[in-house]
Amino acid sequence: MGPFQFDPEKATEALLYVARRVRDHDLYATLKVLYLADKHHLHRYGRFIFGDAHHALPHGPVPQGAYDILKWVRGDDGRRYEPARHAMRVEGNTVMPLRDAEADVFSSSDLECLERAIEEFGRLPFGKLKEITHDAAYNATHHCAEIAIEAIAALADDQVRVPLIQHLADPHPGE
């Protein structure tokens, strides 16, 4: 369990926001873009966008709570979040938003990182996304286990890495 609180409402809105903008509304691309947006947001702002924990699944890291919501909407076992069923359909590996995302749940930094990840990675084919997301944090994690947030933080640039890891260890210094 990571240091952040998972927000299923914000995760649902992020799924809608990204799925509408990636190639073919692809489930895989949606989840990979969310991982890459979260990684960038962590490195730049010290937190994940909707507080999810990322797990090392066979085809790469996924935000587990968001993935569980998609599986549940599709009819598989997953994290039950009723509003998601009214917001999207999932058929096979296609995420079909039934409405636009409520962008007001996002901070400006959330939107910045989501847009950046969509623009940079949202149209890439499966193989390229798999290659990009099989980073050192993923490779250091046992199959299907949670990727340590410190491992994702360790991927940051030199000038960011140490203060970020210190922030994660003690997000409220002096208390």
C-alpha atoms as a PDB file:
ATOM      1  CA  MET A   1       0.000   0.000   0.000  1.00  0.00           C
ATOM      2  CA  GLY A   2       1.484   3.326  -1.092  1.00  0.00           C
ATOM      3  CA  PRO A   3       1.633   6.542   0.889  1.00  0.00           C
ATOM      4  CA  PHE A   4      -1.293   8.128  -0.960  1.00  0.00           C
ATOM      5  CA  GLN A   5      -5.049   7.673  -0.604  1.00  0.00           C
ATOM      6  CA  PHE A   6      -6.679   6.135  -3.690  1.00  0.00           C
ATOM      7  CA  ASP A   7      -9.529   8.305  -4.998  1.00  0.00           C
ATOM      8  CA  PRO A   8     -11.909   6.176  -7.129  1.00  0.00           C
ATOM      9  CA  GLU A   9     -13.865   9.213  -8.354  1.00  0.00           C
ATOM     10  CA  LYS A  10     -10.728  10.918  -9.633  1.00  0.00           C
ATOM     11  CA  ALA A  11      -9.469   7.612 -11.065  1.00  0.00           C
ATOM     12  CA  THR A  12     -12.720   7.213 -13.008  1.00  0.00           C
ATOM     13  CA  GLU A  13     -12.444  10.752 -14.363  1.00  0.00           C
ATOM     14  CA  ALA A  14      -8.789  10.134 -15.322  1.00  0.00           C
ATOM     15  CA  LEU A  15      -9.778   6.924 -17.121  1.00  0.00           C
ATOM     16  CA  LEU A  16     -12.438   8.845 -19.077  1.00  0.00           C
ATOM     17  CA  TYR A  17     -10.052  11.706 -19.810  1.00  0.00           C
ATOM     18  CA  VAL A  18      -7.281   9.470 -21.121  1.00  0.00           C
ATOM     19  CA  ALA A  19      -9.327   6.742 -22.849  1.00  0.00           C
ATOM     20  CA  ARG A  20     -11.029   9.309 -25.068  1.00  0.00           C
ATOM     21  CA  ARG A  21      -7.626  10.608 -26.235  1.00  0.00           C
ATOM     22  CA  VAL A  22      -5.447   7.506 -26.745  1.00  0.00           C
ATOM     23  CA  ARG A  23      -5.299   5.341 -29.850  1.00  0.00           C
ATOM     24  CA  ASP A  24      -8.453   3.295 -30.413  1.00  0.00           C
ATOM     25  CA  HIS A  25      -9.677   3.916 -26.820  1.00  0.00           C
ATOM     26  CA  ASP A  26      -7.293   1.094 -25.948  1.00  0.00           C
ATOM     27  CA  LEU A  27      -7.321  -0.187 -22.350  1.00  0.00           C
ATOM     28  CA  TYR A  28      -3.599  -0.968 -22.413  1.00  0.00           C
ATOM     29  CA  ALA A  29      -2.661   2.476 -23.759  1.00  0.00           C
ATOM     30  CA  THR A  30      -4.982   4.140 -21.239  1.00  0.00           C
ATOM     31  CA  LEU A  31      -3.332   2.389 -18.281  1.00  0.00           C
ATOM     32  CA  LYS A  32       0.214   2.963 -19.556  1.00  0.00           C
ATOM     33  CA  VAL A  33      -0.457   6.669 -20.151  1.00  0.00           C
ATOM     34  CA  LEU A  34      -1.826   6.926 -16.600  1.00  0.00           C
ATOM     35  CA  TYR A  35       1.350   5.284 -15.232  1.00  0.00           C
ATOM     36  CA  LEU A  36       3.559   7.652 -17.228  1.00  0.00           C
ATOM     37  CA  ALA A  37       1.494  10.691 -16.178  1.00  0.00           C
ATOM     38  CA  ASP A  38       1.712   9.585 -12.539  1.00  0.00           C
ATOM     39  CA  LYS A  39       5.464   9.043 -12.794  1.00  0.00           C
ATOM     40  CA  HIS A  40       5.953  12.535 -14.209  1.00  0.00           C
ATOM     41  CA  HIS A  41       3.598  14.056 -11.627  1.00  0.00           C
ATOM     42  CA  LEU A  42       5.443  12.317  -8.802  1.00  0.00           C
ATOM     43  CA  HIS A  43       8.805  13.561 -10.053  1.00  0.00           C
ATOM     44  CA  ARG A  44       7.580  17.099 -10.546  1.00  0.00           C
ATOM     45  CA  TYR A  45       4.994  17.576  -7.772  1.00  0.00           C
ATOM     46  CA  GLY A  46       5.631  14.833  -5.206  1.00  0.00           C
ATOM     47  CA  ARG A  47       2.393  12.851  -5.536  1.00  0.00           C
ATOM     48  CA  PHE A  48       0.383  10.641  -7.856  1.00  0.00           C
ATOM     49  CA  ILE A  49      -2.644  12.118  -9.628  1.00  0.00           C
ATOM     50  CA  PHE A  50      -5.344   9.969  -7.989  1.00  0.00           C
ATOM     51  CA  GLY A  51      -3.330   8.203  -5.296  1.00  0.00           C
ATOM     52  CA  ASP A  52      -3.169   4.787  -6.915  1.00  0.00           C
ATOM     53  CA  ALA A  53      -0.617   2.045  -6.296  1.00  0.00           C
ATOM     54  CA  HIS A  54       1.130   0.723  -9.406  1.00  0.00           C
ATOM     55  CA  HIS A  55       1.633  -3.016  -9.841  1.00  0.00           C
ATOM     56  CA  ALA A  56       4.102  -4.886 -12.056  1.00  0.00           C
ATOM     57  CA  LEU A  57       1.832  -6.937 -14.313  1.00  0.00           C
ATOM     58  CA  PRO A  58       3.200  -9.047 -17.193  1.00  0.00           C
ATOM     59  CA  HIS A  59       2.846  -6.324 -19.831  1.00  0.00           C
ATOM     60  CA  GLY A  60       4.104  -3.533 -17.589  1.00  0.00           C
ATOM     61  CA  PRO A  61       3.067  -1.327 -14.700  1.00  0.00           C
ATOM     62  CA  VAL A  62      -0.580  -0.430 -14.153  1.00  0.00           C
ATOM     63  CA  PRO A  63      -2.392   1.784 -11.656  1.00  0.00           C
ATOM     64  CA  GLN A  64      -4.065  -1.125  -9.875  1.00  0.00           C
ATOM     65  CA  GLY A  65      -7.173   0.633  -8.543  1.00  0.00           C
ATOM     66  CA  ALA A  66      -7.954   2.112 -11.960  1.00  0.00           C
ATOM     67  CA  TYR A  67      -7.389  -1.271 -13.606  1.00  0.00           C
ATOM     68  CA  ASP A  68      -9.682  -2.919 -11.068  1.00  0.00           C
ATOM     69  CA  ILE A  69     -12.410  -0.374 -11.895  1.00  0.00           C
ATOM     70  CA  LEU A  70     -12.066  -1.184 -15.606  1.00  0.00           C
ATOM     71  CA  LYS A  71     -12.228  -4.921 -14.916  1.00  0.00           C
ATOM     72  CA  TRP A  72     -15.355  -4.480 -12.788  1.00  0.00           C
ATOM     73  CA  VAL A  73     -17.068  -2.347 -15.439  1.00  0.00           C
ATOM     74  CA  ARG A  74     -16.185  -5.045 -17.990  1.00  0.00           C
ATOM     75  CA  GLY A  75     -17.861  -7.650 -15.771  1.00  0.00           C
ATOM     76  CA  ASP A  76     -14.756  -9.286 -14.303  1.00  0.00           C
ATOM     77  CA  ASP A  77     -13.733  -9.316 -10.663  1.00  0.00           C
ATOM     78  CA  GLY A  78     -12.477  -5.906  -9.701  1.00  0.00           C
ATOM     79  CA  ARG A  79     -12.960  -2.869  -7.530  1.00  0.00           C
ATOM     80  CA  ARG A  80     -16.657  -2.074  -7.360  1.00  0.00           C
ATOM     81  CA  TYR A  81     -17.279   1.594  -8.018  1.00  0.00           C
ATOM     82  CA  GLU A  82     -20.857   2.079  -9.204  1.00  0.00           C
ATOM     83  CA  PRO A  83     -20.478   5.555 -10.796  1.00  0.00           C
ATOM     84  CA  ALA A  84     -17.916   4.089 -13.218  1.00  0.00           C
ATOM     85  CA  ARG A  85     -20.577   1.776 -14.689  1.00  0.00           C
ATOM     86  CA  HIS A  86     -22.579   4.835 -15.708  1.00  0.00           C
ATOM     87  CA  ALA A  87     -19.521   6.647 -17.090  1.00  0.00           C
ATOM     88  CA  MET A  88     -18.006   4.045 -19.422  1.00  0.00           C
ATOM     89  CA  ARG A  89     -18.298   0.649 -21.033  1.00  0.00           C
ATOM     90  CA  VAL A  90     -15.408  -1.757 -21.382  1.00  0.00           C
ATOM     91  CA  GLU A  91     -15.593  -4.403 -24.069  1.00  0.00           C
ATOM     92  CA  GLY A  92     -12.524  -6.591 -24.371  1.00  0.00           C
ATOM     93  CA  ASN A  93      -9.638  -4.144 -24.373  1.00  0.00           C
ATOM     94  CA  THR A  94     -11.608  -1.102 -25.477  1.00  0.00           C
ATOM     95  CA  VAL A  95     -12.689   1.618 -23.035  1.00  0.00           C
ATOM     96  CA  MET A  96     -15.693   3.516 -24.348  1.00  0.00           C
ATOM     97  CA  PRO A  97     -16.427   6.696 -22.401  1.00  0.00           C
ATOM     98  CA  LEU A  98     -20.163   7.416 -22.163  1.00  0.00           C
ATOM     99  CA  ARG A  99     -19.537  11.029 -21.164  1.00  0.00           C
ATOM    100  CA  ASP A 100     -16.735  13.556 -20.956  1.00  0.00           C
ATOM    101  CA  ALA A 101     -14.490  13.578 -17.920  1.00  0.00           C
ATOM    102  CA  GLU A 102     -15.305  16.067 -15.171  1.00  0.00           C
ATOM    103  CA  ALA A 103     -12.093  18.063 -15.561  1.00  0.00           C
ATOM    104  CA  ASP A 104     -12.795  20.153 -12.461  1.00  0.00           C
ATOM    105  CA  VAL A 105     -11.672  17.221 -10.250  1.00  0.00           C
ATOM    106  CA  PHE A 106      -8.122  17.752 -11.550  1.00  0.00           C
ATOM    107  CA  SER A 107      -5.594  20.311 -10.427  1.00  0.00           C
ATOM    108  CA  SER A 108      -3.712  22.264 -13.080  1.00  0.00           C
ATOM    109  CA  SER A 109      -0.674  20.057 -12.419  1.00  0.00           C
ATOM    110  CA  ASP A 110      -2.803  16.915 -12.895  1.00  0.00           C
ATOM    111  CA  LEU A 111      -4.007  18.184 -16.275  1.00  0.00           C
ATOM    112  CA  GLU A 112      -0.513  19.249 -17.277  1.00  0.00           C
ATOM    113  CA  CYS A 113       0.869  15.761 -16.661  1.00  0.00           C
ATOM    114  CA  LEU A 114      -2.092  13.945 -18.192  1.00  0.00           C
ATOM    115  CA  GLU A 115      -1.874  16.067 -21.348  1.00  0.00           C
ATOM    116  CA  ARG A 116       1.877  15.618 -21.590  1.00  0.00           C
ATOM    117  CA  ALA A 117       1.618  11.828 -21.282  1.00  0.00           C
ATOM    118  CA  ILE A 118      -1.260  11.647 -23.774  1.00  0.00           C
ATOM    119  CA  GLU A 119       0.613  13.767 -26.303  1.00  0.00           C
ATOM    120  CA  GLU A 120       3.907  11.925 -25.896  1.00  0.00           C
ATOM    121  CA  PHE A 121       2.691   8.334 -25.504  1.00  0.00           C
ATOM    122  CA  GLY A 122      -1.034   8.091 -26.328  1.00  0.00           C
ATOM    123  CA  ARG A 123      -0.640   7.070 -29.969  1.00  0.00           C
ATOM    124  CA  LEU A 124       2.252   4.633 -29.559  1.00  0.00           C
ATOM    125  CA  PRO A 125       1.749   0.972 -30.439  1.00  0.00           C
ATOM    126  CA  PHE A 126       1.609  -1.763 -27.785  1.00  0.00           C
ATOM    127  CA  GLY A 127       5.239  -2.864 -28.216  1.00  0.00           C
ATOM    128  CA  LYS A 128       6.667   0.632 -27.859  1.00  0.00           C
ATOM    129  CA  LEU A 129       4.540   1.375 -24.770  1.00  0.00           C
ATOM    130  CA  LYS A 130       5.631  -1.921 -23.263  1.00  0.00           C
ATOM    131  CA  GLU A 131       9.287  -1.087 -23.906  1.00  0.00           C
ATOM    132  CA  ILE A 132       8.986   2.416 -22.402  1.00  0.00           C
ATOM    133  CA  THR A 133       7.113   1.317 -19.278  1.00  0.00           C
ATOM    134  CA  HIS A 134       9.383  -1.638 -18.516  1.00  0.00           C
ATOM    135  CA  ASP A 135      11.633   0.786 -16.663  1.00  0.00           C
ATOM    136  CA  ALA A 136      14.018   0.117 -13.777  1.00  0.00           C
ATOM    137  CA  ALA A 137      11.215   0.439 -11.194  1.00  0.00           C
ATOM    138  CA  TYR A 138       9.152  -2.187 -13.007  1.00  0.00           C
ATOM    139  CA  ASN A 139      12.143  -4.474 -13.534  1.00  0.00           C
ATOM    140  CA  ALA A 140      13.074  -4.307  -9.827  1.00  0.00           C
ATOM    141  CA  THR A 141       9.615  -5.537  -8.776  1.00  0.00           C
ATOM    142  CA  HIS A 142       8.387  -9.116  -8.447  1.00  0.00           C
ATOM    143  CA  HIS A 143       5.678 -10.207 -10.867  1.00  0.00           C
ATOM    144  CA  CYS A 144       2.237  -8.795  -9.890  1.00  0.00           C
ATOM    145  CA  ALA A 145       3.629  -7.032  -6.801  1.00  0.00           C
ATOM    146  CA  GLU A 146       3.236  -3.363  -5.985  1.00  0.00           C
ATOM    147  CA  ILE A 147       6.024  -1.201  -7.370  1.00  0.00           C
ATOM    148  CA  ALA A 148       7.628   0.688  -4.495  1.00  0.00           C
ATOM    149  CA  ILE A 149       7.000   4.393  -4.830  1.00  0.00           C
ATOM    150  CA  GLU A 150      10.647   4.932  -3.895  1.00  0.00           C
ATOM    151  CA  ALA A 151      11.628   2.893  -6.973  1.00  0.00           C
ATOM    152  CA  ILE A 152       9.530   5.177  -9.178  1.00  0.00           C
ATOM    153  CA  ALA A 153      10.983   8.224  -7.410  1.00  0.00           C
ATOM    154  CA  ALA A 154      14.496   6.879  -8.000  1.00  0.00           C
ATOM    155  CA  LEU A 155      13.897   7.277 -11.751  1.00  0.00           C
ATOM    156  CA  ALA A 156      13.783  11.073 -11.370  1.00  0.00           C
ATOM    157  CA  ASP A 157      16.602  13.330 -12.537  1.00  0.00           C
ATOM    158  CA  ASP A 158      19.554  13.689 -10.187  1.00  0.00           C
ATOM    159  CA  GLN A 159      18.534  17.109  -8.844  1.00  0.00           C
ATOM    160  CA  VAL A 160      15.005  15.889  -8.010  1.00  0.00           C
ATOM    161  CA  ARG A 161      15.633  12.340  -6.779  1.00  0.00           C
ATOM    162  CA  VAL A 162      17.084  12.980  -3.296  1.00  0.00           C
ATOM    163  CA  PRO A 163      14.619  15.691  -2.195  1.00  0.00           C
ATOM    164  CA  LEU A 164      11.712  13.642  -3.584  1.00  0.00           C
ATOM    165  CA  ILE A 165      12.732  10.516  -1.691  1.00  0.00           C
ATOM    166  CA  GLN A 166      13.175  12.631   1.466  1.00  0.00           C
ATOM    167  CA  HIS A 167       9.696  14.114   0.914  1.00  0.00           C
ATOM    168  CA  LEU A 168       8.176  10.644   0.528  1.00  0.00           C
ATOM    169  CA  ALA A 169       9.884   9.460   3.715  1.00  0.00           C
ATOM    170  CA  ASP A 170       8.661  12.492   5.682  1.00  0.00           C
ATOM    171  CA  PRO A 171       5.963  14.454   3.790  1.00  0.00           C
ATOM    172  CA  HIS A 172       5.264  16.662   6.833  1.00  0.00           C
ATOM    173  CA  PRO A 173       8.655  17.536   8.355  1.00  0.00           C
ATOM    174  CA  GLY A 174       8.556  19.228  11.719  1.00  0.00           C
ATOM    175  CA  GLU A 175       5.245  17.682  12.799  1.00  0.00           C
END
